[in-house]
Amino acid sequence: MENFRGFTEQTNDFLVGIKFNNNKEWFNANKLMYTENVHKPMVALANEVYEKMHEYKKNFYEKPKISRINRDIRFSNNKSPYKISKWFFLRGDGSPHIRYEKPTYFFEISGDWWRYGLFYAPTPTGMEKYRKNGNMWKKERGYRRNGEEKHI
């Protein structure tokens, strides 16, 4: 497994290039640039983040999920064949579902931005549990709500 050595100027060149040349001919001519400067560094970064998470919490055992370059255009109005960003996400127990009751750690990079953080997309039942537990937590600690008096 390669160590993450950072993203390069060629990473940005590819990500900006695919944004303005989102076609098969351009991608095929620049596939090696994508593989060496976008995909491999992202895999290395994702694996390093996973290793750190696993060191910190041993039951964090699921390997990172890394995005593919190809877009699924079957049900999309955007028929561009390639994604203009690259991302990975980590979940402690490896659930593949978009609706997930725990936060998901992620990192994403594009030609003109990057972001990282937590993503949370619970089911309606999960959200109701979260609200209920949050309100109970607030009441236990005496937080005011809607002008109510705080009792200590």
C-alpha atoms as a PDB file:
ATOM      1  CA  MET A   1       0.000   0.000   0.000  1.00  0.00           C
ATOM      2  CA  GLU A   2       1.396   3.411  -1.008  1.00  0.00           C
ATOM      3  CA  ASN A   3       1.748   6.236   1.504  1.00  0.00           C
ATOM      4  CA  PHE A   4      -0.180   9.416   0.829  1.00  0.00           C
ATOM      5  CA  ARG A   5       2.243  12.051  -0.478  1.00  0.00           C
ATOM      6  CA  GLY A   6      -0.316  14.752  -1.190  1.00  0.00           C
ATOM      7  CA  PHE A   7      -2.143  15.896  -4.263  1.00  0.00           C
ATOM      8  CA  THR A   8      -0.159  17.511  -7.061  1.00  0.00           C
ATOM      9  CA  GLU A   9      -0.569  20.211  -9.666  1.00  0.00           C
ATOM     10  CA  GLN A  10      -1.457  17.399 -12.092  1.00  0.00           C
ATOM     11  CA  THR A  11      -4.320  16.408  -9.760  1.00  0.00           C
ATOM     12  CA  ASN A  12      -5.780  19.852 -10.188  1.00  0.00           C
ATOM     13  CA  ASP A  13      -5.004  19.900 -13.927  1.00  0.00           C
ATOM     14  CA  PHE A  14      -7.006  16.701 -14.410  1.00  0.00           C
ATOM     15  CA  LEU A  15      -9.944  17.804 -12.238  1.00  0.00           C
ATOM     16  CA  VAL A  16     -10.194  21.166 -13.991  1.00  0.00           C
ATOM     17  CA  GLY A  17      -9.715  19.483 -17.375  1.00  0.00           C
ATOM     18  CA  ILE A  18     -12.506  16.939 -16.903  1.00  0.00           C
ATOM     19  CA  LYS A  19     -14.862  19.740 -15.870  1.00  0.00           C
ATOM     20  CA  PHE A  20     -14.387  21.461 -19.257  1.00  0.00           C
ATOM     21  CA  ASN A  21     -13.736  18.358 -21.414  1.00  0.00           C
ATOM     22  CA  ASN A  22     -16.194  15.848 -20.047  1.00  0.00           C
ATOM     23  CA  ASN A  23     -16.040  13.388 -22.935  1.00  0.00           C
ATOM     24  CA  LYS A  24     -14.600   9.963 -23.641  1.00  0.00           C
ATOM     25  CA  GLU A  25     -11.884  11.167 -26.034  1.00  0.00           C
ATOM     26  CA  TRP A  26     -10.391  13.611 -23.506  1.00  0.00           C
ATOM     27  CA  PHE A  27     -10.635  11.124 -20.653  1.00  0.00           C
ATOM     28  CA  ASN A  28      -8.958   8.334 -22.637  1.00  0.00           C
ATOM     29  CA  ALA A  29      -6.115  10.696 -23.611  1.00  0.00           C
ATOM     30  CA  ASN A  30      -5.655  11.657 -19.922  1.00  0.00           C
ATOM     31  CA  LYS A  31      -6.444   8.361 -18.185  1.00  0.00           C
ATOM     32  CA  LEU A  32      -2.884   7.857 -16.929  1.00  0.00           C
ATOM     33  CA  MET A  33      -2.928  11.374 -15.409  1.00  0.00           C
ATOM     34  CA  TYR A  34      -6.174  10.430 -13.630  1.00  0.00           C
ATOM     35  CA  THR A  35      -4.847   7.102 -12.361  1.00  0.00           C
ATOM     36  CA  GLU A  36      -1.499   8.413 -11.093  1.00  0.00           C
ATOM     37  CA  ASN A  37      -2.528  11.843  -9.795  1.00  0.00           C
ATOM     38  CA  VAL A  38      -6.147  11.526  -8.706  1.00  0.00           C
ATOM     39  CA  HIS A  39      -7.133   7.919  -8.054  1.00  0.00           C
ATOM     40  CA  LYS A  40      -3.959   6.524  -6.459  1.00  0.00           C
ATOM     41  CA  PRO A  41      -3.419   9.481  -4.093  1.00  0.00           C
ATOM     42  CA  MET A  42      -7.088   9.322  -3.036  1.00  0.00           C
ATOM     43  CA  VAL A  43      -6.785   5.597  -2.288  1.00  0.00           C
ATOM     44  CA  ALA A  44      -3.612   6.259  -0.270  1.00  0.00           C
ATOM     45  CA  LEU A  45      -5.270   9.081   1.707  1.00  0.00           C
ATOM     46  CA  ALA A  46      -8.392   7.011   2.364  1.00  0.00           C
ATOM     47  CA  ASN A  47      -6.316   4.082   3.607  1.00  0.00           C
ATOM     48  CA  GLU A  48      -4.258   6.308   5.927  1.00  0.00           C
ATOM     49  CA  VAL A  49      -7.396   7.879   7.395  1.00  0.00           C
ATOM     50  CA  TYR A  50      -8.852   4.384   7.868  1.00  0.00           C
ATOM     51  CA  GLU A  51      -5.687   3.184   9.644  1.00  0.00           C
ATOM     52  CA  LYS A  52      -5.817   6.154  12.032  1.00  0.00           C
ATOM     53  CA  MET A  53      -9.519   5.593  12.732  1.00  0.00           C
ATOM     54  CA  HIS A  54      -8.908   1.890  13.340  1.00  0.00           C
ATOM     55  CA  GLU A  55      -5.997   2.672  15.714  1.00  0.00           C
ATOM     56  CA  TYR A  56      -8.259   4.995  17.649  1.00  0.00           C
ATOM     57  CA  LYS A  57     -11.258   2.664  17.700  1.00  0.00           C
ATOM     58  CA  LYS A  58     -10.563  -1.031  17.112  1.00  0.00           C
ATOM     59  CA  ASN A  59     -14.159  -1.870  16.140  1.00  0.00           C
ATOM     60  CA  PHE A  60     -13.879   0.616  13.265  1.00  0.00           C
ATOM     61  CA  TYR A  61     -13.175  -2.099  10.733  1.00  0.00           C
ATOM     62  CA  GLU A  62     -14.755  -1.180   7.416  1.00  0.00           C
ATOM     63  CA  LYS A  63     -12.423  -0.182   4.602  1.00  0.00           C
ATOM     64  CA  PRO A  64     -13.088   3.137   2.813  1.00  0.00           C
ATOM     65  CA  LYS A  65     -15.443   3.380  -0.143  1.00  0.00           C
ATOM     66  CA  ILE A  66     -13.861   5.352  -2.998  1.00  0.00           C
ATOM     67  CA  SER A  67     -15.800   6.960  -5.832  1.00  0.00           C
ATOM     68  CA  ARG A  68     -15.527   5.848  -9.429  1.00  0.00           C
ATOM     69  CA  ILE A  69     -14.859   8.298 -12.235  1.00  0.00           C
ATOM     70  CA  ASN A  70     -17.857   7.147 -14.309  1.00  0.00           C
ATOM     71  CA  ARG A  71     -21.214   8.781 -13.619  1.00  0.00           C
ATOM     72  CA  ASP A  72     -24.413   6.725 -13.582  1.00  0.00           C
ATOM     73  CA  ILE A  73     -26.310   8.640 -16.261  1.00  0.00           C
ATOM     74  CA  ARG A  74     -29.283   6.284 -16.592  1.00  0.00           C
ATOM     75  CA  PHE A  75     -31.647   8.344 -14.420  1.00  0.00           C
ATOM     76  CA  SER A  76     -29.895  11.718 -14.443  1.00  0.00           C
ATOM     77  CA  ASN A  77     -30.622  14.844 -16.447  1.00  0.00           C
ATOM     78  CA  ASN A  78     -26.860  15.439 -16.518  1.00  0.00           C
ATOM     79  CA  LYS A  79     -25.544  13.083 -19.211  1.00  0.00           C
ATOM     80  CA  SER A  80     -21.856  13.978 -18.719  1.00  0.00           C
ATOM     81  CA  PRO A  81     -20.059  10.622 -18.605  1.00  0.00           C
ATOM     82  CA  TYR A  82     -17.539  11.494 -15.851  1.00  0.00           C
ATOM     83  CA  LYS A  83     -17.661  12.912 -12.341  1.00  0.00           C
ATOM     84  CA  ILE A  84     -15.809  16.175 -11.764  1.00  0.00           C
ATOM     85  CA  SER A  85     -14.791  15.308  -8.202  1.00  0.00           C
ATOM     86  CA  LYS A  86     -13.248  12.372  -6.364  1.00  0.00           C
ATOM     87  CA  TRP A  87     -14.304  11.310  -2.865  1.00  0.00           C
ATOM     88  CA  PHE A  88     -14.164   8.605  -0.258  1.00  0.00           C
ATOM     89  CA  PHE A  89     -16.221   7.834   2.815  1.00  0.00           C
ATOM     90  CA  LEU A  90     -15.744   5.751   5.942  1.00  0.00           C
ATOM     91  CA  ARG A  91     -18.310   4.062   8.141  1.00  0.00           C
ATOM     92  CA  GLY A  92     -17.379   2.128  11.224  1.00  0.00           C
ATOM     93  CA  ASP A  93     -19.527  -0.891  10.452  1.00  0.00           C
ATOM     94  CA  GLY A  94     -19.479  -0.724   6.658  1.00  0.00           C
ATOM     95  CA  SER A  95     -23.165  -0.248   5.928  1.00  0.00           C
ATOM     96  CA  PRO A  96     -23.604   0.383   2.172  1.00  0.00           C
ATOM     97  CA  HIS A  97     -26.974   2.139   2.504  1.00  0.00           C
ATOM     98  CA  ILE A  98     -27.371   5.889   1.927  1.00  0.00           C
ATOM     99  CA  ARG A  99     -29.769   5.994   4.874  1.00  0.00           C
ATOM    100  CA  TYR A 100     -27.519   5.300   7.821  1.00  0.00           C
ATOM    101  CA  GLU A 101     -28.162   5.909  11.508  1.00  0.00           C
ATOM    102  CA  LYS A 102     -24.617   7.046  12.328  1.00  0.00           C
ATOM    103  CA  PRO A 103     -22.381   9.800  10.943  1.00  0.00           C
ATOM    104  CA  THR A 104     -20.251   8.993   7.902  1.00  0.00           C
ATOM    105  CA  TYR A 105     -16.794  10.532   7.555  1.00  0.00           C
ATOM    106  CA  PHE A 106     -15.943  11.824   4.080  1.00  0.00           C
ATOM    107  CA  PHE A 107     -13.400  13.741   2.001  1.00  0.00           C
ATOM    108  CA  GLU A 108     -13.985  15.142  -1.503  1.00  0.00           C
ATOM    109  CA  ILE A 109     -11.802  17.103  -3.924  1.00  0.00           C
ATOM    110  CA  SER A 110     -12.574  18.916  -7.167  1.00  0.00           C
ATOM    111  CA  GLY A 111     -10.670  21.297  -9.431  1.00  0.00           C
ATOM    112  CA  ASP A 112     -11.681  24.398  -7.493  1.00  0.00           C
ATOM    113  CA  TRP A 113     -12.715  23.180  -4.043  1.00  0.00           C
ATOM    114  CA  TRP A 114     -12.344  20.469  -1.440  1.00  0.00           C
ATOM    115  CA  ARG A 115     -14.351  19.520   1.625  1.00  0.00           C
ATOM    116  CA  TYR A 116     -14.413  17.006   4.431  1.00  0.00           C
ATOM    117  CA  GLY A 117     -16.501  16.241   7.466  1.00  0.00           C
ATOM    118  CA  LEU A 118     -19.439  14.201   8.638  1.00  0.00           C
ATOM    119  CA  PHE A 119     -22.449  13.245   6.558  1.00  0.00           C
ATOM    120  CA  TYR A 120     -25.634  12.154   8.288  1.00  0.00           C
ATOM    121  CA  ALA A 121     -28.706  10.855   6.440  1.00  0.00           C
ATOM    122  CA  PRO A 122     -30.934   8.934   8.861  1.00  0.00           C
ATOM    123  CA  THR A 123     -34.238   7.300   8.126  1.00  0.00           C
ATOM    124  CA  PRO A 124     -37.345   9.142   9.367  1.00  0.00           C
ATOM    125  CA  THR A 125     -37.471   6.703  12.307  1.00  0.00           C
ATOM    126  CA  GLY A 126     -33.822   7.377  13.099  1.00  0.00           C
ATOM    127  CA  MET A 127     -34.374  11.132  12.947  1.00  0.00           C
ATOM    128  CA  GLU A 128     -37.323  10.850  15.336  1.00  0.00           C
ATOM    129  CA  LYS A 129     -35.094   8.926  17.800  1.00  0.00           C
ATOM    130  CA  TYR A 130     -32.431  11.609  17.480  1.00  0.00           C
ATOM    131  CA  ARG A 131     -34.929  14.402  18.177  1.00  0.00           C
ATOM    132  CA  LYS A 132     -36.414  12.547  21.135  1.00  0.00           C
ATOM    133  CA  ASN A 133     -33.004  11.830  22.678  1.00  0.00           C
ATOM    134  CA  GLY A 134     -31.848  15.399  22.038  1.00  0.00           C
ATOM    135  CA  ASN A 135     -34.901  16.867  23.725  1.00  0.00           C
ATOM    136  CA  MET A 136     -34.500  14.521  26.707  1.00  0.00           C
ATOM    137  CA  TRP A 137     -30.838  15.531  26.985  1.00  0.00           C
ATOM    138  CA  LYS A 138     -31.788  19.230  26.954  1.00  0.00           C
ATOM    139  CA  LYS A 139     -34.505  18.773  29.584  1.00  0.00           C
ATOM    140  CA  GLU A 140     -32.149  16.830  31.885  1.00  0.00           C
ATOM    141  CA  ARG A 141     -29.668  19.715  31.743  1.00  0.00           C
ATOM    142  CA  GLY A 142     -32.269  22.437  32.247  1.00  0.00           C
ATOM    143  CA  TYR A 143     -32.145  24.111  28.831  1.00  0.00           C
ATOM    144  CA  ARG A 144     -34.945  26.561  28.042  1.00  0.00           C
ATOM    145  CA  ARG A 145     -37.157  26.113  25.023  1.00  0.00           C
ATOM    146  CA  ASN A 146     -39.612  28.613  23.530  1.00  0.00           C
ATOM    147  CA  GLY A 147     -39.419  31.049  26.443  1.00  0.00           C
ATOM    148  CA  GLU A 148     -39.796  28.414  29.155  1.00  0.00           C
ATOM    149  CA  GLU A 149     -38.131  29.189  32.465  1.00  0.00           C
ATOM    150  CA  LYS A 150     -34.899  27.435  33.297  1.00  0.00           C
ATOM    151  CA  HIS A 151     -35.092  25.441  36.536  1.00  0.00           C
ATOM    152  CA  ILE A 152     -31.865  24.505  38.267  1.00  0.00           C
END
